[in-house]
Amino acid sequence: SVSRFVRKLKMKVLEMQLSIRDENNNLEGCNCNDITKDSEKKTRRSLKEGDKNERVLPPVDKTYSKFVWATGGHSAAAGHGNLQNETYTAYMEHAAKPIFESVGINFVGRNYAMGGMSSAPELALCQESIFGIDADVLTWDFGMTDVPHNWKHALYLSRAGVHRNHPAVVSINIHGFDNDLKVGLHKDIENRGVAAFYLKGDSIREMEDPLPDMLGMNQKEIDAEPDYVRYFKCNKEIEKDDPGCGDHKYNEAVCPNRRHKAPWHPGFKVNALYGNLMAFFLIENLGDAIQELLNEDYDPVQKLEELKKEEEKEYEELFVKSSDLPKETISDFIDETLMSQIDPNIIYNHPALCYTALLPSEIRYEGILKGEDEETNKTAILNHEQGIMKVAAEKERSQDGMRIVKDDPGQPPCEVLTFIDYKDYFYSNEKDGWTHLTIPNDSEKKYVDITPYKGMVVICFIKCDWNKCDDGDVRNTTSLQMKVNDVDVVDFTPINQCAILKHQKGYVFPSSNNKYKIEVFVVPAEMGQPKHYTRITSMILF
C-alpha cells in the first residue's frame, strides 16, 4: 500500500513538472519561470521608473497539479458542533497545504462527511458523484453508524477500487469495532490492488498520553498551557470531566449557539490532533516520493506514462479480473435468493453512475445533476437554496421533472460555515403525475467518459428518523409506480434502505442509446388518508 501511495504522489509531482515545462515552452524569448516567494513582487514592472504606462504582468500560479483528500464519515467526521474550519480535514489541509504548494501541488481537503449516514449501500455506490472523480484519497470514518454491519465497510472499500481515479482508502476510528475483521478487510482489498490504510488506535493514544492533565493544576498553570493543550485532558478523560474540559470542548467565540454541539461529538482540540497526525502521514510519503524521483534519471513524460501503466495494470490484473468477494460479510448484505438472481459482482465491482440529491456532493456543486453548464453555473456550498422546502413543494405541481426538495432550511445566521451536510431528496407527490429523471444527462457526458452500463437500477429512499416514516411516505409498488425506458417496474427488491428495481423478466433494463429514463408516479391516497409522496435520495445505474 505504501509503495502504491508513493507512486500516486510521484505521479502528481511529475504532472507538476510537465505543466511547468509546457508553460515555459509557451513563453516568448525565455524558457524560464519564477516561482519563488518574491515572484508576486515582480509581477508589477515598469519600463521606466514612474512611467504612467506601467506594464502589469499576470501573477504566476504557485501550483500546477492537484491532490484531493476526500473525507467520508458520520457527524463526528463532518465536524458537527464545531466550525467547518475546525474539522480534522480542515486542520489536515492547513498543515499539509503549504508543504504541497512548495512543490507546486495544490492540496485540497474535501470534507464531505454527512451526519447520521452509514457508509453503505448508498454512499459506497455513489462515491464518484459525492466525493468527485478526482479524489486521490477516500476515507471511511463510520464507526458509530456502521456497527455491527461489517458488510458496509467491505462494500465501501470494494467500491473504492472501482473509482476511476484509483484512490487510496484510509479508514479512521476502526478500533473497538470488530478490529481484527476490519483489518482483514483492508488486507483483502490491498491484495486486490488498492492502497489501503487504517489509523491505529494506539497511534492516537500515544499522542494523547503525554499531554498534561488539568486535574490538580491551579488556574494560573492551566492558563499557561498552549491553546490546544489547555483543557484537552481532565482526570484522564479527553475533552470532558473536571476541571472544565467539557466546558471548553467547543470554540465559544464564534456563533456559540450553533447546532450539533452534542457530548459524543469531538471538539476542536481532538480534531486538531487527528488532522495533524494525518498531515504527517501525507508529508512523510510526499517526501519519500520526491526522494525516489531525485534518485532516478528520468524523462517526465516517459516516467509518468510508465507509472500510469503500472497502476492500470495492477487494477486490471488484481481488481477487475478478480471475482473474489468478501465472504465474511456478503451474505449479511445480499441474501441467497437475490444472489441467485443477480451477479453480486455488479454491485461490488462494476462501474456505476449515481445521481444523488445529498449534500455535500460534487455532482451538485458542479451543476451536473440539473444539467447546468459547469463553467458558468457551479453551485456554491453556501447556495443551499438550490432545493425547495417540502412545505412549498406540497403546494404546487412539478413543472420540470423531479424536484430537489429539502426539509432543513440551513444553518442559523453565522458569518462562517458551521455545517454543510443536508439530506435533500428527489421528491414527487400525488399531484405531480408522471415525473422523470434521465441518466446520464448531457452535462454528465461532458464531465466524464460514459461507458456502456449493464442496465440495473438501484434507488435509495431517505432514511427516516428512528426508521419511522410518515404514513404518506410511500415506498412500495402499490402506491409508487415506476418505469425505466418505458418498462414497468413490478418490484422493489430491498438491499438495506435501498432497492433494486425489477421488471417482469428480471433486473436488467434495456438501454436507449445508453440512456435510462426513470419515471415515477405516486398513486393518490384514498379519501381521508394522508396525501402520498415519495422521497428518493439517490438513483444509481450499473
Protein backbone atom coordinates (compact mmCIF):
# COMPACT_ATOMS: atom_id res chain seq x y z
CA SER A 1 0.00 0.00 0.00
CA VAL A 2 2.79 2.41 0.86
CA SER A 3 4.55 1.87 -2.47
CA ARG A 4 1.26 2.41 -4.34
CA PHE A 5 0.55 5.60 -2.40
CA VAL A 6 4.07 6.91 -3.03
CA ARG A 7 3.58 6.10 -6.72
CA LYS A 8 0.41 8.22 -6.71
CA LEU A 9 2.34 11.14 -5.20
CA LYS A 10 5.19 10.69 -7.71
CA MET A 11 2.63 10.99 -10.50
CA LYS A 12 1.42 14.29 -9.01
CA VAL A 13 4.99 15.62 -8.89
CA LEU A 14 5.56 14.58 -12.50
CA GLU A 15 2.29 16.24 -13.57
CA MET A 16 3.53 19.41 -11.92
CA GLN A 17 6.87 19.22 -13.71
CA LEU A 18 5.21 18.70 -17.08
CA SER A 19 2.79 21.58 -16.51
CA ILE A 20 5.68 23.92 -15.75
CA ARG A 21 7.58 22.70 -18.80
CA ASP A 22 4.57 23.21 -21.05
CA GLU A 23 4.06 26.70 -19.68
CA ASN A 24 7.72 27.57 -20.12
CA ASN A 25 7.72 26.35 -23.71
CA ASN A 26 4.93 28.84 -24.45
CA LEU A 27 6.94 31.82 -23.17
CA GLU A 28 8.46 34.09 -25.78
CA GLY A 29 12.17 34.76 -25.54
CA CYS A 30 12.71 32.99 -22.23
CA ASN A 31 12.46 29.32 -21.34
CA CYS A 32 12.25 30.06 -17.62
CA ASN A 33 9.75 30.65 -14.84
CA ASP A 34 9.99 32.39 -11.47
CA ILE A 35 8.05 30.55 -8.80
CA THR A 36 9.96 31.86 -5.78
CA LYS A 37 8.42 33.71 -2.86
CA ASP A 38 9.36 37.01 -4.48
CA SER A 39 7.56 36.21 -7.74
CA GLU A 40 4.42 38.13 -6.80
CA LYS A 41 6.50 41.24 -6.11
CA LYS A 42 7.92 41.01 -9.61
CA THR A 43 4.56 40.94 -11.37
CA ARG A 44 4.45 44.75 -11.45
CA ARG A 45 7.29 46.12 -13.60
CA SER A 46 7.60 49.42 -15.44
CA LEU A 47 9.68 50.24 -18.46
CA LYS A 48 10.90 53.38 -16.73
CA GLU A 49 10.73 54.49 -13.09
CA GLY A 50 7.50 56.43 -12.57
CA ASP A 51 6.23 55.60 -16.05
CA LYS A 52 2.46 56.15 -16.21
CA ASN A 53 2.18 53.33 -18.71
CA GLU A 54 3.35 50.75 -16.19
CA ARG A 55 3.38 47.19 -17.50
CA VAL A 56 1.48 44.80 -15.27
CA LEU A 57 2.34 41.14 -15.65
CA PRO A 58 -0.10 38.42 -14.58
CA PRO A 59 0.70 36.68 -11.28
CA VAL A 60 2.43 33.34 -11.54
CA ASP A 61 0.49 30.29 -10.39
CA LYS A 62 2.02 28.55 -7.40
CA THR A 63 0.56 25.11 -8.16
CA TYR A 64 0.45 23.02 -11.30
CA SER A 65 -1.28 19.81 -10.23
CA LYS A 66 -3.86 18.88 -7.60
CA PHE A 67 -4.10 16.28 -4.85
CA VAL A 68 -7.56 15.68 -3.34
CA TRP A 69 -8.25 14.10 0.06
CA ALA A 70 -11.99 13.36 0.36
CA THR A 71 -13.39 12.62 3.80
CA GLY A 72 -16.34 10.28 4.18
CA GLY A 73 -17.90 9.69 7.56
CA HIS A 74 -20.71 10.41 10.00
CA SER A 75 -21.40 13.52 12.10
CA ALA A 76 -18.12 13.41 14.04
CA ALA A 77 -16.12 13.39 10.78
CA ALA A 78 -18.36 16.16 9.42
CA GLY A 79 -17.29 18.24 12.42
CA HIS A 80 -20.76 18.71 13.86
CA GLY A 81 -20.73 21.12 16.79
CA ASN A 82 -17.57 22.80 15.51
CA LEU A 83 -16.94 25.38 12.81
CA GLN A 84 -16.10 23.99 9.38
CA ASN A 85 -12.53 25.24 9.74
CA GLU A 86 -12.23 23.16 12.93
CA THR A 87 -12.86 19.73 11.39
CA TYR A 88 -9.95 17.31 11.27
CA THR A 89 -9.98 17.61 7.47
CA ALA A 90 -9.53 21.38 7.78
CA TYR A 91 -6.66 21.02 10.26
CA MET A 92 -5.01 18.46 7.99
CA GLU A 93 -5.36 20.76 4.99
CA HIS A 94 -3.99 23.71 6.97
CA ALA A 95 -0.87 21.73 7.90
CA ALA A 96 -0.29 19.89 4.60
CA LYS A 97 -1.23 22.58 2.07
CA PRO A 98 1.89 24.78 2.31
CA ILE A 99 4.16 21.73 2.09
CA PHE A 100 2.41 20.51 -1.07
CA GLU A 101 2.40 24.03 -2.51
CA SER A 102 6.17 24.21 -2.04
CA VAL A 103 6.50 21.55 -4.74
CA GLY A 104 3.77 23.03 -6.96
CA ILE A 105 0.86 20.79 -5.90
CA ASN A 106 -2.48 22.20 -4.75
CA PHE A 107 -3.66 20.14 -1.78
CA VAL A 108 -7.46 20.04 -1.38
CA GLY A 109 -9.12 18.74 1.78
CA ARG A 110 -12.69 17.91 0.77
CA ASN A 111 -14.81 17.21 3.87
CA TYR A 112 -17.96 15.55 2.52
CA ALA A 113 -18.92 13.60 5.63
CA MET A 114 -22.65 13.51 6.48
CA GLY A 115 -24.32 13.27 9.85
CA GLY A 116 -26.35 10.14 10.53
CA MET A 117 -25.24 8.32 7.38
CA SER A 118 -23.67 4.88 7.21
CA SER A 119 -21.04 4.02 4.60
CA ALA A 120 -23.23 1.68 2.54
CA PRO A 121 -25.01 0.88 0.42
CA GLU A 122 -25.83 4.41 -0.76
CA LEU A 123 -22.59 6.28 -0.14
CA ALA A 124 -20.47 3.32 -1.26
CA LEU A 125 -22.33 3.14 -4.57
CA CYS A 126 -22.20 6.94 -5.02
CA GLN A 127 -18.53 7.59 -4.24
CA GLU A 128 -17.66 9.31 -7.53
CA SER A 129 -20.76 11.51 -7.54
CA ILE A 130 -20.32 12.57 -3.93
CA PHE A 131 -16.56 12.76 -3.44
CA GLY A 132 -15.61 13.59 -7.04
CA ILE A 133 -13.92 11.71 -9.85
CA ASP A 134 -10.65 13.47 -8.97
CA ALA A 135 -10.36 12.06 -5.41
CA ASP A 136 -6.87 10.70 -4.66
CA VAL A 137 -7.76 9.55 -1.14
CA LEU A 138 -11.14 8.34 0.14
CA THR A 139 -11.64 7.95 3.86
CA TRP A 140 -14.01 5.80 5.91
CA ASP A 141 -15.00 7.14 9.35
CA PHE A 142 -18.36 5.47 10.02
CA GLY A 143 -17.55 3.51 13.19
CA MET A 144 -20.65 4.63 15.08
CA THR A 145 -23.16 4.29 12.22
CA ASP A 146 -21.90 1.09 10.57
CA VAL A 147 -21.61 -1.06 13.70
CA PRO A 148 -22.30 -4.01 13.74
CA HIS A 149 -22.72 -4.30 9.94
CA ASN A 150 -19.22 -5.02 8.62
CA TRP A 151 -20.61 -5.70 5.13
CA LYS A 152 -20.96 -1.92 4.80
CA HIS A 153 -17.26 -1.33 5.35
CA ALA A 154 -16.42 -4.16 2.94
CA LEU A 155 -18.64 -2.72 0.20
CA TYR A 156 -17.23 0.79 0.73
CA LEU A 157 -13.66 -0.48 0.34
CA SER A 158 -14.55 -2.58 -2.69
CA ARG A 159 -16.29 0.31 -4.46
CA ALA A 160 -13.20 2.47 -3.88
CA GLY A 161 -11.40 0.01 -6.13
CA VAL A 162 -13.90 0.75 -8.92
CA HIS A 163 -13.31 4.52 -8.68
CA ARG A 164 -11.82 5.74 -11.96
CA ASN A 165 -9.02 7.74 -10.25
CA HIS A 166 -7.75 4.70 -8.28
CA PRO A 167 -7.70 6.46 -4.89
CA ALA A 168 -6.07 5.18 -1.75
CA VAL A 169 -8.52 4.33 1.04
CA VAL A 170 -7.91 5.34 4.65
CA SER A 171 -10.12 4.04 7.49
CA ILE A 172 -10.27 6.09 10.66
CA ASN A 173 -11.52 5.02 14.08
CA ILE A 174 -11.83 1.29 13.40
CA HIS A 175 -10.56 0.38 16.87
CA GLY A 176 -13.14 -1.14 19.15
CA PHE A 177 -15.48 -2.28 16.35
CA ASP A 178 -14.51 -5.84 15.28
CA ASN A 179 -10.99 -4.57 14.79
CA ASP A 180 -9.45 -7.85 13.59
CA LEU A 181 -12.16 -8.37 10.96
CA LYS A 182 -11.77 -4.79 9.71
CA VAL A 183 -8.01 -5.17 9.46
CA GLY A 184 -8.68 -8.29 7.39
CA LEU A 185 -10.92 -6.30 5.04
CA HIS A 186 -8.02 -3.93 4.39
CA LYS A 187 -5.64 -6.82 3.72
CA ASP A 188 -8.15 -8.25 1.23
CA ILE A 189 -8.59 -5.02 -0.72
CA GLU A 190 -4.82 -4.42 -0.64
CA ASN A 191 -4.26 -7.84 -2.20
CA ARG A 192 -6.60 -6.76 -4.99
CA GLY A 193 -4.51 -3.72 -5.98
CA VAL A 194 -5.80 -0.88 -3.80
CA ALA A 195 -3.61 1.20 -1.49
CA ALA A 196 -5.40 0.62 1.82
CA PHE A 197 -4.56 2.13 5.22
CA TYR A 198 -6.17 2.35 8.63
CA LEU A 199 -5.40 4.58 11.58
CA LYS A 200 -4.34 2.53 14.60
CA GLY A 201 -5.98 3.39 17.89
CA ASP A 202 -2.56 3.02 19.55
CA SER A 203 -1.27 5.95 17.47
CA ILE A 204 -3.93 8.24 18.93
CA ARG A 205 -3.29 7.05 22.48
CA GLU A 206 0.46 7.57 22.03
CA MET A 207 -0.23 11.21 21.21
CA GLU A 208 -2.79 11.71 23.99
CA ASP A 209 -0.91 10.05 26.87
CA PRO A 210 2.00 12.54 27.20
CA LEU A 211 -0.31 15.55 27.25
CA PRO A 212 -0.72 17.16 30.68
CA ASP A 213 -3.81 16.52 32.81
CA MET A 214 -5.57 19.64 34.06
CA LEU A 215 -6.63 17.86 37.27
CA GLY A 216 -4.51 19.16 40.13
CA MET A 217 -3.42 22.33 38.31
CA ASN A 218 -4.34 25.78 39.54
CA GLN A 219 -5.89 28.29 37.13
CA LYS A 220 -2.60 30.08 36.50
CA GLU A 221 -0.96 26.81 35.48
CA ILE A 222 -3.90 25.89 33.25
CA ASP A 223 -3.84 29.30 31.53
CA ALA A 224 -0.13 28.89 30.83
CA GLU A 225 -0.73 25.77 28.71
CA PRO A 226 -0.85 26.12 24.87
CA ASP A 227 -4.31 26.66 23.31
CA TYR A 228 -4.71 23.10 22.03
CA VAL A 229 -3.42 21.50 25.24
CA ARG A 230 -5.39 23.62 27.69
CA TYR A 231 -8.50 21.68 28.82
CA PHE A 232 -7.70 18.77 26.49
CA LYS A 233 -7.40 16.19 29.29
CA CYS A 234 -9.10 16.24 32.69
CA ASN A 235 -8.91 13.39 35.20
CA LYS A 236 -7.53 11.11 32.42
CA GLU A 237 -10.60 11.85 30.24
CA ILE A 238 -10.39 13.60 26.87
CA GLU A 239 -12.49 16.78 26.42
CA LYS A 240 -14.67 16.00 29.43
CA ASP A 241 -14.69 15.84 33.25
CA ASP A 242 -13.39 18.38 35.77
CA PRO A 243 -11.84 20.87 35.96
CA GLY A 244 -13.55 22.28 32.87
CA CYS A 245 -12.57 20.14 29.87
CA GLY A 246 -16.23 19.60 28.92
CA ASP A 247 -16.97 23.32 29.25
CA HIS A 248 -14.07 24.19 26.91
CA LYS A 249 -14.66 21.44 24.36
CA TYR A 250 -16.11 23.73 21.70
CA ASN A 251 -15.00 27.13 20.45
CA GLU A 252 -17.48 29.58 22.01
CA ALA A 253 -16.01 32.72 20.42
CA VAL A 254 -17.95 32.39 17.12
CA CYS A 255 -21.68 31.61 16.86
CA PRO A 256 -21.85 29.89 20.28
CA ASN A 257 -25.49 28.86 19.80
CA ARG A 258 -24.77 26.74 16.72
CA ARG A 259 -26.35 23.34 16.27
CA HIS A 260 -25.00 19.82 16.92
CA LYS A 261 -22.84 20.53 19.99
CA ALA A 262 -23.52 17.02 21.26
CA PRO A 263 -21.46 15.34 24.02
CA TRP A 264 -20.48 12.48 21.69
CA HIS A 265 -19.01 14.77 19.02
CA PRO A 266 -15.29 15.54 19.33
CA GLY A 267 -14.27 19.14 19.92
CA PHE A 268 -11.76 21.23 18.01
CA LYS A 269 -8.74 20.04 20.03
CA VAL A 270 -9.32 16.35 19.22
CA ASN A 271 -9.93 17.29 15.58
CA ALA A 272 -6.63 19.19 15.53
CA LEU A 273 -4.80 16.13 16.86
CA TYR A 274 -6.30 13.84 14.19
CA GLY A 275 -5.78 16.38 11.41
CA ASN A 276 -2.12 16.98 12.18
CA LEU A 277 -1.44 13.25 12.51
CA MET A 278 -2.89 12.68 9.02
CA ALA A 279 -0.89 15.63 7.67
CA PHE A 280 2.32 14.00 8.97
CA PHE A 281 1.36 10.82 7.10
CA LEU A 282 0.89 12.79 3.87
CA ILE A 283 4.05 14.87 4.20
CA GLU A 284 6.22 11.86 5.03
CA ASN A 285 5.04 9.99 1.94
CA LEU A 286 5.39 13.09 -0.25
CA GLY A 287 8.99 13.38 0.91
CA ASP A 288 9.60 9.73 0.02
CA ALA A 289 8.08 10.26 -3.44
CA ILE A 290 10.33 13.26 -4.14
CA GLN A 291 13.41 11.44 -2.86
CA GLU A 292 12.73 8.45 -5.11
CA LEU A 293 12.44 10.75 -8.12
CA LEU A 294 15.65 12.55 -7.16
CA ASN A 295 17.44 9.22 -7.14
CA GLU A 296 16.37 8.48 -10.72
CA ASP A 297 17.43 9.80 -14.10
CA TYR A 298 14.16 10.09 -16.00
CA ASP A 299 12.20 11.89 -18.67
CA PRO A 300 8.98 13.25 -17.03
CA VAL A 301 6.76 12.23 -19.95
CA GLN A 302 8.04 8.68 -20.11
CA LYS A 303 8.14 8.28 -16.34
CA LEU A 304 4.56 9.49 -15.87
CA GLU A 305 3.33 7.17 -18.62
CA GLU A 306 5.24 4.28 -17.06
CA LEU A 307 3.67 4.85 -13.62
CA LYS A 308 0.16 5.21 -15.06
CA LYS A 309 0.51 1.94 -16.98
CA GLU A 310 1.85 0.25 -13.86
CA GLU A 311 -1.16 1.42 -11.85
CA GLU A 312 -3.66 0.42 -14.53
CA LYS A 313 -2.06 -2.99 -14.93
CA GLU A 314 -2.35 -3.68 -11.20
CA TYR A 315 -6.02 -2.73 -11.18
CA GLU A 316 -6.72 -4.76 -14.30
CA GLU A 317 -5.00 -7.89 -13.00
CA LEU A 318 -5.86 -7.70 -9.32
CA PHE A 319 -9.21 -5.99 -9.24
CA VAL A 320 -11.13 -6.00 -12.50
CA LYS A 321 -10.43 -9.67 -13.26
CA SER A 322 -10.93 -10.79 -9.69
CA SER A 323 -14.21 -12.44 -8.79
CA ASP A 324 -13.35 -12.67 -5.10
CA LEU A 325 -15.93 -11.12 -2.81
CA PRO A 326 -15.72 -10.52 0.95
CA LYS A 327 -17.09 -13.90 2.02
CA GLU A 328 -17.30 -12.94 5.70
CA THR A 329 -19.77 -10.14 5.02
CA ILE A 330 -21.53 -10.55 1.66
CA SER A 331 -24.25 -12.87 2.98
CA ASP A 332 -25.20 -10.18 5.52
CA PHE A 333 -25.87 -7.79 2.62
CA ILE A 334 -27.32 -9.92 -0.20
CA ASP A 335 -29.48 -12.90 0.73
CA GLU A 336 -29.32 -16.26 -1.07
CA THR A 337 -32.49 -15.67 -3.09
CA LEU A 338 -31.22 -12.40 -4.56
CA MET A 339 -27.74 -13.87 -5.01
CA SER A 340 -29.22 -16.49 -7.31
CA GLN A 341 -30.96 -13.83 -9.44
CA ILE A 342 -28.22 -11.22 -9.90
CA ASP A 343 -24.46 -11.24 -10.21
CA PRO A 344 -23.21 -9.63 -6.96
CA ASN A 345 -20.01 -8.66 -8.75
CA ILE A 346 -22.05 -5.95 -10.49
CA ILE A 347 -22.73 -4.26 -7.16
CA TYR A 348 -19.23 -4.75 -5.77
CA ASN A 349 -17.02 -4.33 -8.83
CA HIS A 350 -18.86 -2.75 -11.77
CA PRO A 351 -18.77 0.99 -12.64
CA ALA A 352 -21.90 2.93 -11.72
CA LEU A 353 -23.45 6.34 -12.31
CA CYS A 354 -25.15 7.83 -9.27
CA TYR A 355 -27.49 10.80 -9.30
CA THR A 356 -27.81 11.93 -5.71
CA ALA A 357 -29.59 14.86 -4.11
CA LEU A 358 -27.50 14.60 -0.95
CA LEU A 359 -25.19 17.40 0.11
CA PRO A 360 -22.27 17.76 0.13
CA SER A 361 -21.68 16.18 -3.28
CA GLU A 362 -19.61 17.14 -6.30
CA ILE A 363 -22.40 16.24 -8.71
CA ARG A 364 -24.50 19.07 -7.23
CA TYR A 365 -21.69 21.57 -6.68
CA GLU A 366 -20.57 21.18 -10.29
CA GLY A 367 -24.11 21.67 -11.64
CA ILE A 368 -24.11 18.26 -13.34
CA LEU A 369 -27.25 16.97 -11.68
CA LYS A 370 -29.51 19.63 -13.13
CA GLY A 371 -27.74 19.70 -16.46
CA GLU A 372 -26.24 23.13 -15.85
CA ASP A 373 -23.11 24.43 -17.53
CA GLU A 374 -20.35 23.63 -15.06
CA GLU A 375 -18.30 26.58 -16.28
CA THR A 376 -20.91 29.21 -15.50
CA ASN A 377 -23.41 27.79 -13.02
CA LYS A 378 -21.45 25.95 -10.37
CA THR A 379 -23.37 25.61 -7.14
CA ALA A 380 -21.52 27.23 -4.24
CA ILE A 381 -21.57 25.47 -0.88
CA LEU A 382 -23.46 28.35 0.69
CA ASN A 383 -26.08 28.27 -2.06
CA HIS A 384 -28.28 25.72 -0.34
CA GLU A 385 -31.31 27.35 -1.99
CA GLN A 386 -30.94 25.03 -4.99
CA GLY A 387 -33.57 22.83 -3.38
CA ILE A 388 -37.02 23.99 -2.29
CA MET A 389 -38.62 23.37 1.09
CA LYS A 390 -41.03 20.44 1.27
CA VAL A 391 -43.81 22.72 2.53
CA ALA A 392 -43.58 24.71 -0.72
CA ALA A 393 -43.30 21.58 -2.89
CA GLU A 394 -46.52 20.20 -1.44
CA LYS A 395 -48.49 23.23 -2.60
CA GLU A 396 -47.56 23.20 -6.27
CA ARG A 397 -47.26 20.70 -9.08
CA SER A 398 -43.90 19.87 -10.62
CA GLN A 399 -43.34 21.54 -13.98
CA ASP A 400 -39.93 20.16 -14.88
CA GLY A 401 -39.10 16.61 -13.90
CA MET A 402 -38.39 15.50 -10.38
CA ARG A 403 -37.67 18.28 -7.90
CA ILE A 404 -34.84 18.51 -5.38
CA VAL A 405 -36.54 19.15 -2.05
CA LYS A 406 -35.19 19.72 1.44
CA ASP A 407 -36.50 19.51 4.99
CA ASP A 408 -33.66 21.52 6.53
CA PRO A 409 -33.70 25.30 5.83
CA GLY A 410 -29.96 25.56 6.51
CA GLN A 411 -27.68 26.75 9.29
CA PRO A 412 -28.80 29.60 11.57
CA PRO A 413 -27.27 33.03 10.82
CA CYS A 414 -23.49 32.92 11.26
CA GLU A 415 -20.64 34.65 9.46
CA VAL A 416 -18.84 31.34 8.88
CA LEU A 417 -19.89 27.82 7.91
CA THR A 418 -20.87 25.55 10.78
CA PHE A 419 -22.09 22.55 8.74
CA ILE A 420 -22.68 21.76 5.06
CA ASP A 421 -24.40 18.35 5.06
CA TYR A 422 -28.09 18.12 4.17
CA LYS A 423 -30.25 15.12 3.33
CA ASP A 424 -32.00 16.60 0.31
CA TYR A 425 -34.00 14.29 -1.94
CA PHE A 426 -35.83 13.85 -5.24
CA TYR A 427 -39.47 14.48 -4.47
CA SER A 428 -42.70 13.56 -6.17
CA ASN A 429 -46.25 13.68 -4.80
CA GLU A 430 -49.67 12.58 -5.98
CA LYS A 431 -50.34 15.97 -7.64
CA ASP A 432 -47.36 15.69 -9.95
CA GLY A 433 -48.44 12.91 -12.30
CA TRP A 434 -45.51 11.18 -14.01
CA THR A 435 -42.15 12.82 -13.28
CA HIS A 436 -38.81 11.64 -14.61
CA LEU A 437 -35.02 11.82 -14.47
CA THR A 438 -32.67 10.63 -17.23
CA ILE A 439 -29.27 9.06 -16.54
CA PRO A 440 -26.87 10.22 -17.91
CA ASN A 441 -27.74 13.78 -18.95
CA ASP A 442 -25.76 15.93 -21.35
CA SER A 443 -23.72 17.62 -18.61
CA GLU A 444 -22.61 14.23 -17.33
CA LYS A 445 -21.36 13.32 -20.80
CA LYS A 446 -19.22 16.47 -20.87
CA TYR A 447 -17.87 15.72 -17.40
CA VAL A 448 -16.77 12.09 -17.80
CA ASP A 449 -16.47 9.43 -20.43
CA ILE A 450 -19.66 7.39 -20.32
CA THR A 451 -19.14 3.63 -20.55
CA PRO A 452 -21.96 1.30 -21.59
CA TYR A 453 -23.82 0.15 -18.50
CA LYS A 454 -25.49 -3.15 -17.61
CA GLY A 455 -28.93 -1.60 -17.13
CA MET A 456 -29.50 -2.48 -13.46
CA VAL A 457 -31.02 0.37 -11.44
CA VAL A 458 -30.91 0.92 -7.67
CA ILE A 459 -32.84 3.62 -5.84
CA CYS A 460 -32.27 4.76 -2.25
CA PHE A 461 -35.02 6.23 -0.11
CA ILE A 462 -34.32 8.82 2.55
CA LYS A 463 -33.58 7.31 5.93
CA CYS A 464 -36.42 8.22 8.29
CA ASP A 465 -35.66 9.17 11.89
CA TRP A 466 -35.60 6.01 14.04
CA ASN A 467 -36.77 4.18 10.88
CA LYS A 468 -40.31 5.53 11.36
CA CYS A 469 -41.62 7.20 8.21
CA ASP A 470 -44.83 9.20 7.93
CA ASP A 471 -47.89 7.29 6.68
CA GLY A 472 -47.89 9.24 3.42
CA ASP A 473 -44.24 8.44 2.59
CA VAL A 474 -44.74 5.60 0.06
CA ARG A 475 -42.09 3.02 -0.82
CA ASN A 476 -43.95 0.07 -2.39
CA THR A 477 -45.15 -0.71 -5.90
CA THR A 478 -48.79 -0.49 -4.82
CA SER A 479 -48.53 3.24 -4.10
CA LEU A 480 -45.36 4.08 -6.08
CA GLN A 481 -45.25 3.16 -9.76
CA MET A 482 -42.05 3.38 -11.77
CA LYS A 483 -40.78 2.79 -15.30
CA VAL A 484 -37.29 2.54 -16.80
CA ASN A 485 -37.20 3.28 -20.54
CA ASP A 486 -40.97 2.59 -20.67
CA VAL A 487 -40.59 -0.84 -19.00
CA ASP A 488 -42.80 -1.20 -15.91
CA VAL A 489 -41.18 -1.85 -12.56
CA VAL A 490 -43.01 -4.66 -10.76
CA ASP A 491 -40.99 -4.91 -7.56
CA PHE A 492 -38.50 -3.08 -5.33
CA THR A 493 -36.06 -5.73 -4.07
CA PRO A 494 -34.66 -4.30 -0.82
CA ILE A 495 -30.95 -4.05 -0.06
CA ASN A 496 -30.89 -2.18 3.24
CA GLN A 497 -32.57 1.25 2.77
CA CYS A 498 -32.06 0.97 -1.00
CA ALA A 499 -33.84 -1.25 -3.53
CA ILE A 500 -33.04 -2.86 -6.88
CA LEU A 501 -35.74 -2.22 -9.48
CA LYS A 502 -37.20 -5.36 -11.04
CA HIS A 503 -39.36 -5.84 -14.14
CA GLN A 504 -41.28 -8.92 -15.30
CA LYS A 505 -38.20 -10.60 -16.82
CA GLY A 506 -35.53 -9.65 -14.30
CA TYR A 507 -33.31 -6.83 -13.11
CA VAL A 508 -31.63 -5.60 -16.31
CA PHE A 509 -33.49 -2.89 -18.23
CA PRO A 510 -32.97 -2.21 -21.95
CA SER A 511 -30.82 0.76 -22.95
CA SER A 512 -32.00 3.64 -25.12
CA ASN A 513 -28.78 4.88 -26.75
CA ASN A 514 -27.00 4.26 -23.42
CA LYS A 515 -29.58 6.40 -21.61
CA TYR A 516 -32.09 5.37 -18.98
CA LYS A 517 -35.24 7.41 -18.39
CA ILE A 518 -36.52 6.71 -14.88
CA GLU A 519 -40.17 7.69 -14.40
CA VAL A 520 -42.07 7.99 -11.12
CA PHE A 521 -45.81 8.14 -10.42
CA VAL A 522 -47.23 8.48 -6.91
CA VAL A 523 -50.65 6.84 -6.67
CA PRO A 524 -53.19 9.15 -4.95
CA ALA A 525 -54.23 8.14 -1.44
CA GLU A 526 -57.73 7.02 -0.62
CA MET A 527 -60.18 9.56 0.74
CA GLY A 528 -59.39 10.54 4.33
CA GLN A 529 -55.85 9.10 4.22
CA PRO A 530 -52.61 11.15 4.36
CA LYS A 531 -51.54 12.50 0.97
CA HIS A 532 -48.97 10.30 -0.77
CA TYR A 533 -45.43 11.38 -1.69
CA THR A 534 -42.04 9.76 -2.12
CA ARG A 535 -38.51 10.86 -1.19
CA ILE A 536 -35.62 9.29 -3.11
CA THR A 537 -32.12 10.46 -2.22
CA SER A 538 -30.19 8.63 -4.95
CA MET A 539 -30.70 6.78 -8.24
CA ILE A 540 -27.85 4.52 -9.30
CA LEU A 541 -27.27 2.93 -12.70
CA PHE A 542 -24.97 -0.07 -13.13
